[in-house]
PDB file of N, CA and C in Angstrom:
ATOM      1  N   MET A   1      -6.003   1.784  -2.216  1.00  0.00           N
ATOM      2  CA  MET A   1      -4.701   2.340  -1.838  1.00  0.00           C
ATOM      3  C   MET A   1      -5.172   4.075  -2.191  1.00  0.00           C
ATOM      4  N   CYS A   2      -4.429   4.886  -1.035  1.00  0.00           N
ATOM      5  CA  CYS A   2      -4.873   6.294  -1.513  1.00  0.00           C
ATOM      6  C   CYS A   2      -3.996   7.374  -1.285  1.00  0.00           C
ATOM      7  N   LYS A   3      -3.877   8.490  -1.327  1.00  0.00           N
ATOM      8  CA  LYS A   3      -2.895   9.284  -0.707  1.00  0.00           C
ATOM      9  C   LYS A   3      -3.188  10.115   0.478  1.00  0.00           C
ATOM     10  N   ILE A   4      -2.111   9.958   1.118  1.00  0.00           N
ATOM     11  CA  ILE A   4      -2.303  10.396   2.594  1.00  0.00           C
ATOM     12  C   ILE A   4      -2.023  12.020   2.609  1.00  0.00           C
ATOM     13  N   GLU A   5      -2.618  12.919   2.940  1.00  0.00           N
ATOM     14  CA  GLU A   5      -2.164  14.444   2.944  1.00  0.00           C
ATOM     15  C   GLU A   5      -1.764  14.787   3.927  1.00  0.00           C
ATOM     16  N   LYS A   6      -1.874  14.398   5.401  1.00  0.00           N
ATOM     17  CA  LYS A   6      -0.958  14.535   6.260  1.00  0.00           C
ATOM     18  C   LYS A   6       0.642  14.351   6.301  1.00  0.00           C
ATOM     19  N   GLU A   7       0.932  13.353   5.373  1.00  0.00           N
ATOM     20  CA  GLU A   7       2.306  13.142   5.749  1.00  0.00           C
ATOM     21  C   GLU A   7       3.117  13.197   4.732  1.00  0.00           C
ATOM     22  N   GLU A   8       2.012  14.237   3.619  1.00  0.00           N
ATOM     23  CA  GLU A   8       2.735  14.587   2.223  1.00  0.00           C
ATOM     24  C   GLU A   8       4.185  15.521   2.011  1.00  0.00           C
ATOM     25  N   LYS A   9       4.782  15.308   1.441  1.00  0.00           N
ATOM     26  CA  LYS A   9       5.929  16.003   0.874  1.00  0.00           C
ATOM     27  C   LYS A   9       6.228  16.396  -0.219  1.00  0.00           C
ATOM     28  N   LEU A  10       5.411  15.912  -1.536  1.00  0.00           N
ATOM     29  CA  LEU A  10       4.765  16.810  -2.231  1.00  0.00           C
ATOM     30  C   LEU A  10       3.151  16.176  -2.880  1.00  0.00           C
ATOM     31  N   ALA A  11       2.283  15.355  -2.751  1.00  0.00           N
ATOM     32  CA  ALA A  11       1.292  14.749  -2.776  1.00  0.00           C
ATOM     33  C   ALA A  11       0.554  13.989  -2.222  1.00  0.00           C
ATOM     34  N   GLY A  12       1.447  13.469  -1.184  1.00  0.00           N
ATOM     35  CA  GLY A  12       1.196  12.259  -0.749  1.00  0.00           C
ATOM     36  C   GLY A  12       1.206  10.929  -0.725  1.00  0.00           C
ATOM     37  N   VAL A  13       1.210  10.964  -2.228  1.00  0.00           N
ATOM     38  CA  VAL A  13       1.902   9.290  -2.727  1.00  0.00           C
ATOM     39  C   VAL A  13       2.545   8.111  -2.305  1.00  0.00           C
ATOM     40  N   CYS A  14       3.570   8.605  -1.882  1.00  0.00           N
ATOM     41  CA  CYS A  14       4.719   7.868  -1.243  1.00  0.00           C
ATOM     42  C   CYS A  14       3.969   7.519   0.161  1.00  0.00           C
ATOM     43  N   ALA A  15       3.380   8.561   0.769  1.00  0.00           N
ATOM     44  CA  ALA A  15       2.871   7.667   2.046  1.00  0.00           C
ATOM     45  C   ALA A  15       2.188   7.270   1.967  1.00  0.00           C
ATOM     46  N   GLY A  16       0.957   7.168   0.883  1.00  0.00           N
ATOM     47  CA  GLY A  16      -0.219   6.310   1.029  1.00  0.00           C
ATOM     48  C   GLY A  16       0.331   4.699   0.368  1.00  0.00           C
ATOM     49  N   LEU A  17       1.571   4.542  -0.688  1.00  0.00           N
ATOM     50  CA  LEU A  17       1.868   3.682  -0.977  1.00  0.00           C
ATOM     51  C   LEU A  17       2.778   2.929   1.036  1.00  0.00           C
ATOM     52  N   ALA A  18       3.330   3.643   0.989  1.00  0.00           N
ATOM     53  CA  ALA A  18       3.897   2.640   2.570  1.00  0.00           C
ATOM     54  C   ALA A  18       2.911   2.418   3.385  1.00  0.00           C
ATOM     55  N   TYR A  19       1.828   3.664   3.453  1.00  0.00           N
ATOM     56  CA  TYR A  19       0.937   2.812   4.321  1.00  0.00           C
ATOM     57  C   TYR A  19       0.084   1.481   3.980  1.00  0.00           C
ATOM     58  N   TYR A  20       0.087   1.596   2.314  1.00  0.00           N
ATOM     59  CA  TYR A  20      -0.816   0.125   2.319  1.00  0.00           C
ATOM     60  C   TYR A  20      -0.226  -1.158   1.705  1.00  0.00           C
ATOM     61  N   PHE A  21       1.409  -1.075   1.996  1.00  0.00           N
ATOM     62  CA  PHE A  21       1.925  -1.943   2.157  1.00  0.00           C
ATOM     63  C   PHE A  21       3.123  -2.184   3.518  1.00  0.00           C
ATOM     64  N   ASN A  22       2.321  -1.188   4.190  1.00  0.00           N
ATOM     65  CA  ASN A  22       2.741  -1.572   5.902  1.00  0.00           C
ATOM     66  C   ASN A  22       3.816  -1.547   5.889  1.00  0.00           C
ATOM     67  N   ILE A  23       4.871  -0.390   4.971  1.00  0.00           N
ATOM     68  CA  ILE A  23       6.288  -0.685   5.205  1.00  0.00           C
ATOM     69  C   ILE A  23       6.668   0.833   5.571  1.00  0.00           C
ATOM     70  N   ASP A  24       7.792   1.436   6.152  1.00  0.00           N
ATOM     71  CA  ASP A  24       7.858   2.841   6.429  1.00  0.00           C
ATOM     72  C   ASP A  24       8.009   3.524   5.295  1.00  0.00           C
ATOM     73  N   VAL A  25       7.622   4.711   5.425  1.00  0.00           N
ATOM     74  CA  VAL A  25       7.807   5.847   4.444  1.00  0.00           C
ATOM     75  C   VAL A  25       8.698   6.447   3.708  1.00  0.00           C
ATOM     76  N   THR A  26       9.832   6.349   4.771  1.00  0.00           N
ATOM     77  CA  THR A  26      11.084   6.949   4.259  1.00  0.00           C
ATOM     78  C   THR A  26      11.527   5.641   3.414  1.00  0.00           C
ATOM     79  N   LEU A  27      11.728   4.220   3.254  1.00  0.00           N
ATOM     80  CA  LEU A  27      11.885   3.643   2.138  1.00  0.00           C
ATOM     81  C   LEU A  27      11.134   3.709   1.211  1.00  0.00           C
ATOM     82  N   VAL A  28      10.004   3.916   1.110  1.00  0.00           N
ATOM     83  CA  VAL A  28       9.813   3.950  -0.153  1.00  0.00           C
ATOM     84  C   VAL A  28       9.756   5.539  -0.791  1.00  0.00           C
ATOM     85  N   ARG A  29       9.844   6.444   0.166  1.00  0.00           N
ATOM     86  CA  ARG A  29      10.903   7.792  -1.050  1.00  0.00           C
ATOM     87  C   ARG A  29      12.243   7.703  -1.136  1.00  0.00           C
ATOM     88  N   LEU A  30      12.543   7.151  -0.522  1.00  0.00           N
ATOM     89  CA  LEU A  30      14.463   6.588  -0.644  1.00  0.00           C
ATOM     90  C   LEU A  30      14.456   5.546  -2.138  1.00  0.00           C
ATOM     91  N   ILE A  31      13.189   4.593  -2.252  1.00  0.00           N
ATOM     92  CA  ILE A  31      13.422   3.842  -3.464  1.00  0.00           C
ATOM     93  C   ILE A  31      12.863   4.767  -4.440  1.00  0.00           C
ATOM     94  N   TRP A  32      12.185   5.691  -4.112  1.00  0.00           N
ATOM     95  CA  TRP A  32      11.633   6.716  -5.316  1.00  0.00           C
ATOM     96  C   TRP A  32      12.640   7.430  -5.609  1.00  0.00           C
ATOM     97  N   ALA A  33      13.306   8.047  -5.112  1.00  0.00           N
ATOM     98  CA  ALA A  33      14.905   8.895  -5.342  1.00  0.00           C
ATOM     99  C   ALA A  33      15.714   8.180  -5.891  1.00  0.00           C
ATOM    100  N   LEU A  34      15.890   7.449  -5.748  1.00  0.00           N
ATOM    101  CA  LEU A  34      17.004   6.417  -5.910  1.00  0.00           C
ATOM    102  C   LEU A  34      16.562   5.859  -7.626  1.00  0.00           C
ATOM    103  N   ALA A  35      15.452   5.882  -7.894  1.00  0.00           N
ATOM    104  CA  ALA A  35      14.967   5.726  -9.332  1.00  0.00           C
ATOM    105  C   ALA A  35      14.772   6.325  -9.873  1.00  0.00           C
ATOM    106  N   VAL A  36      14.615   7.807  -9.238  1.00  0.00           N
ATOM    107  CA  VAL A  36      14.394   8.921 -10.336  1.00  0.00           C
ATOM    108  C   VAL A  36      16.209   9.331 -10.672  1.00  0.00           C
ATOM    109  N   ILE A  37      16.932   8.851  -9.803  1.00  0.00           N
ATOM    110  CA  ILE A  37      18.381   9.449 -10.145  1.00  0.00           C
ATOM    111  C   ILE A  37      19.327   8.208 -10.934  1.00  0.00           C
ATOM    112  N   PHE A  38      18.778   6.979 -10.631  1.00  0.00           N
ATOM    113  CA  PHE A  38      19.374   6.555 -11.852  1.00  0.00           C
ATOM    114  C   PHE A  38      18.275   5.716 -12.992  1.00  0.00           C
ATOM    115  N   GLY A  39      17.441   6.530 -12.993  1.00  0.00           N
ATOM    116  CA  GLY A  39      16.540   6.361 -14.446  1.00  0.00           C
ATOM    117  C   GLY A  39      15.774   5.398 -14.279  1.00  0.00           C
ATOM    118  N   VAL A  40      15.610   4.460 -13.578  1.00  0.00           N
ATOM    119  CA  VAL A  40      14.807   3.567 -13.918  1.00  0.00           C
ATOM    120  C   VAL A  40      13.443   3.301 -13.760  1.00  0.00           C
ATOM    121  N   GLY A  41      12.570   3.131 -15.010  1.00  0.00           N
ATOM    122  CA  GLY A  41      11.578   3.423 -15.813  1.00  0.00           C
ATOM    123  C   GLY A  41      11.323   4.901 -15.946  1.00  0.00           C
ATOM    124  N   SER A  42      10.226   5.424 -15.466  1.00  0.00           N
ATOM    125  CA  SER A  42       9.201   6.723 -15.528  1.00  0.00           C
ATOM    126  C   SER A  42       9.089   7.240 -14.163  1.00  0.00           C
ATOM    127  N   PRO A  43       9.903   7.036 -12.980  1.00  0.00           N
ATOM    128  CA  PRO A  43       8.891   7.470 -11.718  1.00  0.00           C
ATOM    129  C   PRO A  43       8.562   8.617 -11.861  1.00  0.00           C
ATOM    130  N   ILE A  44       9.144   9.825 -12.257  1.00  0.00           N
ATOM    131  CA  ILE A  44       8.190  10.609 -12.122  1.00  0.00           C
ATOM    132  C   ILE A  44       7.219  11.243 -12.959  1.00  0.00           C
ATOM    133  N   LEU A  45       6.851  10.500 -14.014  1.00  0.00           N
ATOM    134  CA  LEU A  45       5.566   9.956 -14.629  1.00  0.00           C
ATOM    135  C   LEU A  45       5.146   9.728 -14.112  1.00  0.00           C
ATOM    136  N   ILE A  46       5.279   8.314 -13.593  1.00  0.00           N
ATOM    137  CA  ILE A  46       4.747   7.228 -12.580  1.00  0.00           C
ATOM    138  C   ILE A  46       3.379   8.437 -11.502  1.00  0.00           C
ATOM    139  N   TYR A  47       4.696   8.635 -10.280  1.00  0.00           N
ATOM    140  CA  TYR A  47       4.409   9.869  -9.315  1.00  0.00           C
ATOM    141  C   TYR A  47       3.041  10.662  -9.613  1.00  0.00           C
ATOM    142  N   ILE A  48       3.466  11.527 -10.841  1.00  0.00           N
ATOM    143  CA  ILE A  48       1.894  11.985 -11.687  1.00  0.00           C
ATOM    144  C   ILE A  48       0.675  11.459 -12.053  1.00  0.00           C
ATOM    145  N   VAL A  49       0.822  10.582 -12.630  1.00  0.00           N
ATOM    146  CA  VAL A  49      -0.215   9.550 -12.949  1.00  0.00           C
ATOM    147  C   VAL A  49      -0.833   9.321 -11.444  1.00  0.00           C
ATOM    148  N   LEU A  50      -0.122   8.952 -10.280  1.00  0.00           N
ATOM    149  CA  LEU A  50      -0.585   8.596  -9.315  1.00  0.00           C
ATOM    150  C   LEU A  50      -1.082   9.383  -8.441  1.00  0.00           C
ATOM    151  N   ALA A  51      -0.610  10.532  -8.337  1.00  0.00           N
ATOM    152  CA  ALA A  51      -0.956  11.941  -7.440  1.00  0.00           C
ATOM    153  C   ALA A  51      -2.028  12.564  -8.363  1.00  0.00           C
ATOM    154  N   ILE A  52      -2.760  12.240  -9.145  1.00  0.00           N
ATOM    155  CA  ILE A  52      -3.658  12.535 -10.335  1.00  0.00           C
ATOM    156  C   ILE A  52      -4.980  11.533  -9.946  1.00  0.00           C
ATOM    157  N   VAL A  53      -4.403  10.386  -9.724  1.00  0.00           N
ATOM    158  CA  VAL A  53      -5.642   9.271 -10.166  1.00  0.00           C
ATOM    159  C   VAL A  53      -6.083   8.715  -8.321  1.00  0.00           C
ATOM    160  N   LEU A  54      -5.269   8.534  -7.472  1.00  0.00           N
ATOM    161  CA  LEU A  54      -5.510   8.063  -6.328  1.00  0.00           C
ATOM    162  C   LEU A  54      -6.067   8.766  -5.580  1.00  0.00           C
ATOM    163  N   PRO A  55      -7.245   8.931  -4.881  1.00  0.00           N
ATOM    164  CA  PRO A  55      -7.991  10.035  -3.934  1.00  0.00           C
ATOM    165  C   PRO A  55      -7.244   9.808  -2.236  1.00  0.00           C
ATOM    166  N   ASN A  56      -7.454  11.011  -1.917  1.00  0.00           N
ATOM    167  CA  ASN A  56      -7.428  11.405  -0.671  1.00  0.00           C
ATOM    168  C   ASN A  56      -7.810  10.675   0.388  1.00  0.00           C
ATOM    169  N   CYS A  57      -7.614  10.077   1.468  1.00  0.00           N
ATOM    170  CA  CYS A  57      -8.072   9.901   2.495  1.00  0.00           C
ATOM    171  C   CYS A  57      -7.191   9.571   4.170  1.00  0.00           C
ATOM    172  N   ASP A  58      -7.842   9.614   4.570  1.00  0.00           N
ATOM    173  CA  ASP A  58      -7.046   9.763   6.196  1.00  0.00           C
ATOM    174  C   ASP A  58      -7.256   8.415   6.305  1.00  0.00           C
ATOM    175  N   PRO A  59      -5.879   7.887   6.747  1.00  0.00           N
ATOM    176  CA  PRO A  59      -6.113   6.509   7.450  1.00  0.00           C
ATOM    177  C   PRO A  59      -6.923   6.002   8.697  1.00  0.00           C
ATOM    178  N   ASP A  60      -6.722   7.122   9.427  1.00  0.00           N
ATOM    179  CA  ASP A  60      -7.519   6.869  10.745  1.00  0.00           C
ATOM    180  C   ASP A  60      -9.131   6.726  10.464  1.00  0.00           C
ATOM    181  N   GLU A  61      -9.624   7.279   9.690  1.00  0.00           N
ATOM    182  CA  GLU A  61     -10.977   7.113   8.998  1.00  0.00           C
ATOM    183  C   GLU A  61     -11.518   6.221   8.299  1.00  0.00           C
ATOM    184  N   VAL A  62      -9.973   5.331   7.782  1.00  0.00           N
ATOM    185  CA  VAL A  62     -10.538   3.935   6.749  1.00  0.00           C
ATOM    186  C   VAL A  62     -10.916   3.248   7.661  1.00  0.00           C
ATOM    187  N   GLU A  63     -11.870   2.435   7.472  1.00  0.00           N
ATOM    188  CA  GLU A  63     -11.947   0.726   8.140  1.00  0.00           C
ATOM    189  C   GLU A  63     -11.772  -0.333   7.111  1.00  0.00           C
ATOM    190  N   PHE A  64     -11.023  -1.362   7.379  1.00  0.00           N
ATOM    191  CA  PHE A  64     -10.670  -2.159   7.075  1.00  0.00           C
ATOM    192  C   PHE A  64     -11.398  -3.194   7.289  1.00  0.00           C
ATOM    193  N   GLU A  65     -11.774  -4.229   6.767  1.00  0.00           N
ATOM    194  CA  GLU A  65     -12.526  -5.281   6.739  1.00  0.00           C
ATOM    195  C   GLU A  65     -11.444  -6.276   7.395  1.00  0.00           C
ATOM    196  N   GLU A  66     -11.856  -7.302   8.178  1.00  0.00           N
ATOM    197  CA  GLU A  66     -10.962  -8.312   8.892  1.00  0.00           C
ATOM    198  C   GLU A  66     -11.684  -9.083   8.052  1.00  0.00           C
ATOM    199  N   VAL A  67     -10.477  -9.845   7.476  1.00  0.00           N
ATOM    200  CA  VAL A  67     -10.892 -11.796   6.977  1.00  0.00           C
ATOM    201  C   VAL A  67     -10.136 -12.836   7.516  1.00  0.00           C
ATOM    202  N   HIS A  68     -11.364 -13.960   8.228  1.00  0.00           N
ATOM    203  CA  HIS A  68     -10.506 -14.622   8.964  1.00  0.00           C
ATOM    204  C   HIS A  68     -10.775 -15.515   8.031  1.00  0.00           C
ATOM    205  N   GLU A  69      -9.554 -16.829   8.086  1.00  0.00           N
ATOM    206  CA  GLU A  69      -9.826 -17.850   7.237  1.00  0.00           C
ATOM    207  C   GLU A  69      -9.668 -18.985   7.885  1.00  0.00           C
ATOM    208  N   GLU A  70     -10.295 -19.608   7.890  1.00  0.00           N
ATOM    209  CA  GLU A  70     -10.256 -21.209   8.608  1.00  0.00           C
ATOM    210  C   GLU A  70      -9.205 -22.108   8.395  1.00  0.00           C
ATOM    211  N   GLU A  71      -8.382 -22.422   9.320  1.00  0.00           N
ATOM    212  CA  GLU A  71      -7.144 -23.032   9.174  1.00  0.00           C
ATOM    213  C   GLU A  71      -7.626 -24.544   8.786  1.00  0.00           C
ATOM    214  N   TYR A  72      -6.956 -25.281   7.373  1.00  0.00           N
ATOM    215  CA  TYR A  72      -7.182 -26.397   6.562  1.00  0.00           C
ATOM    216  C   TYR A  72      -6.198 -26.981   7.212  1.00  0.00           C
ATOM    217  N   ASP A  73      -7.270 -28.271   7.919  1.00  0.00           N
ATOM    218  CA  ASP A  73      -5.961 -29.301   8.190  1.00  0.00           C
ATOM    219  C   ASP A  73      -6.333 -30.651   7.532  1.00  0.00           C
ATOM    220  N   PRO A  74      -5.501 -30.880   6.798  1.00  0.00           N
ATOM    221  CA  PRO A  74      -5.513 -31.861   5.911  1.00  0.00           C
ATOM    222  C   PRO A  74      -5.837 -33.204   6.406  1.00  0.00           C
ATOM    223  N   TYR A  75      -5.572 -33.630   8.001  1.00  0.00           N
ATOM    224  CA  TYR A  75      -5.563 -34.749   8.698  1.00  0.00           C
ATOM    225  C   TYR A  75      -7.403 -35.203   9.273  1.00  0.00           C
ATOM    226  N   ASP A  76      -8.111 -33.369   9.196  1.00  0.00           N
ATOM    227  CA  ASP A  76      -9.222 -33.836   9.609  1.00  0.00           C
ATOM    228  C   ASP A  76      -9.970 -34.403   9.089  1.00  0.00           C
ATOM    229  N   ASP A  77     -10.944 -35.937   9.673  1.00  0.00           N
ATOM    230  CA  ASP A  77     -11.994 -36.126   8.796  1.00  0.00           C
ATOM    231  C   ASP A  77     -13.206 -35.892   9.659  1.00  0.00           C
ATOM    232  N   SER A  78     -13.465 -35.527  10.650  1.00  0.00           N
ATOM    233  CA  SER A  78     -14.360 -35.297  11.209  1.00  0.00           C
ATOM    234  C   SER A  78     -15.667 -34.411  10.602  1.00  0.00           C
ATOM    235  N   ASP A  79     -15.715 -34.053   9.657  1.00  0.00           N
ATOM    236  CA  ASP A  79     -16.874 -33.857   8.775  1.00  0.00           C
ATOM    237  C   ASP A  79     -17.226 -34.608   7.676  1.00  0.00           C
ATOM    238  N   ARG A  80     -16.215 -35.949   7.714  1.00  0.00           N
ATOM    239  CA  ARG A  80     -16.712 -36.843   6.314  1.00  0.00           C
ATOM    240  C   ARG A  80     -17.317 -37.959   7.608  1.00  0.00           C
ATOM    241  N   TYR A  81     -17.826 -37.683   8.453  1.00  0.00           N
ATOM    242  CA  TYR A  81     -18.620 -39.552   8.847  1.00  0.00           C
ATOM    243  C   TYR A  81     -19.767 -38.685   9.684  1.00  0.00           C
ATOM    244  N   GLU A  82     -19.799 -37.185   9.316  1.00  0.00           N
ATOM    245  CA  GLU A  82     -21.175 -36.499  10.381  1.00  0.00           C
ATOM    246  C   GLU A  82     -22.105 -37.173   9.649  1.00  0.00           C
TER     247      GLU A  82
END
């Protein structure tokens, strides 16, 4: 997880969270704004901490490793009789 400077409004934290969870950045900003308005938790403090702690990155330059999982077939006994 990282901050994205290209799409930042304040520090890029919401854009980084949206990219990490693969959701729209507007939705993340809306949820954060509602949390600030209704006083749920400490969203301003959490935002400040994330702005300090998270590194900056460019999502176009970040390489992600694909994980290939083999499909598990509970009825496949082909390796049992080898």
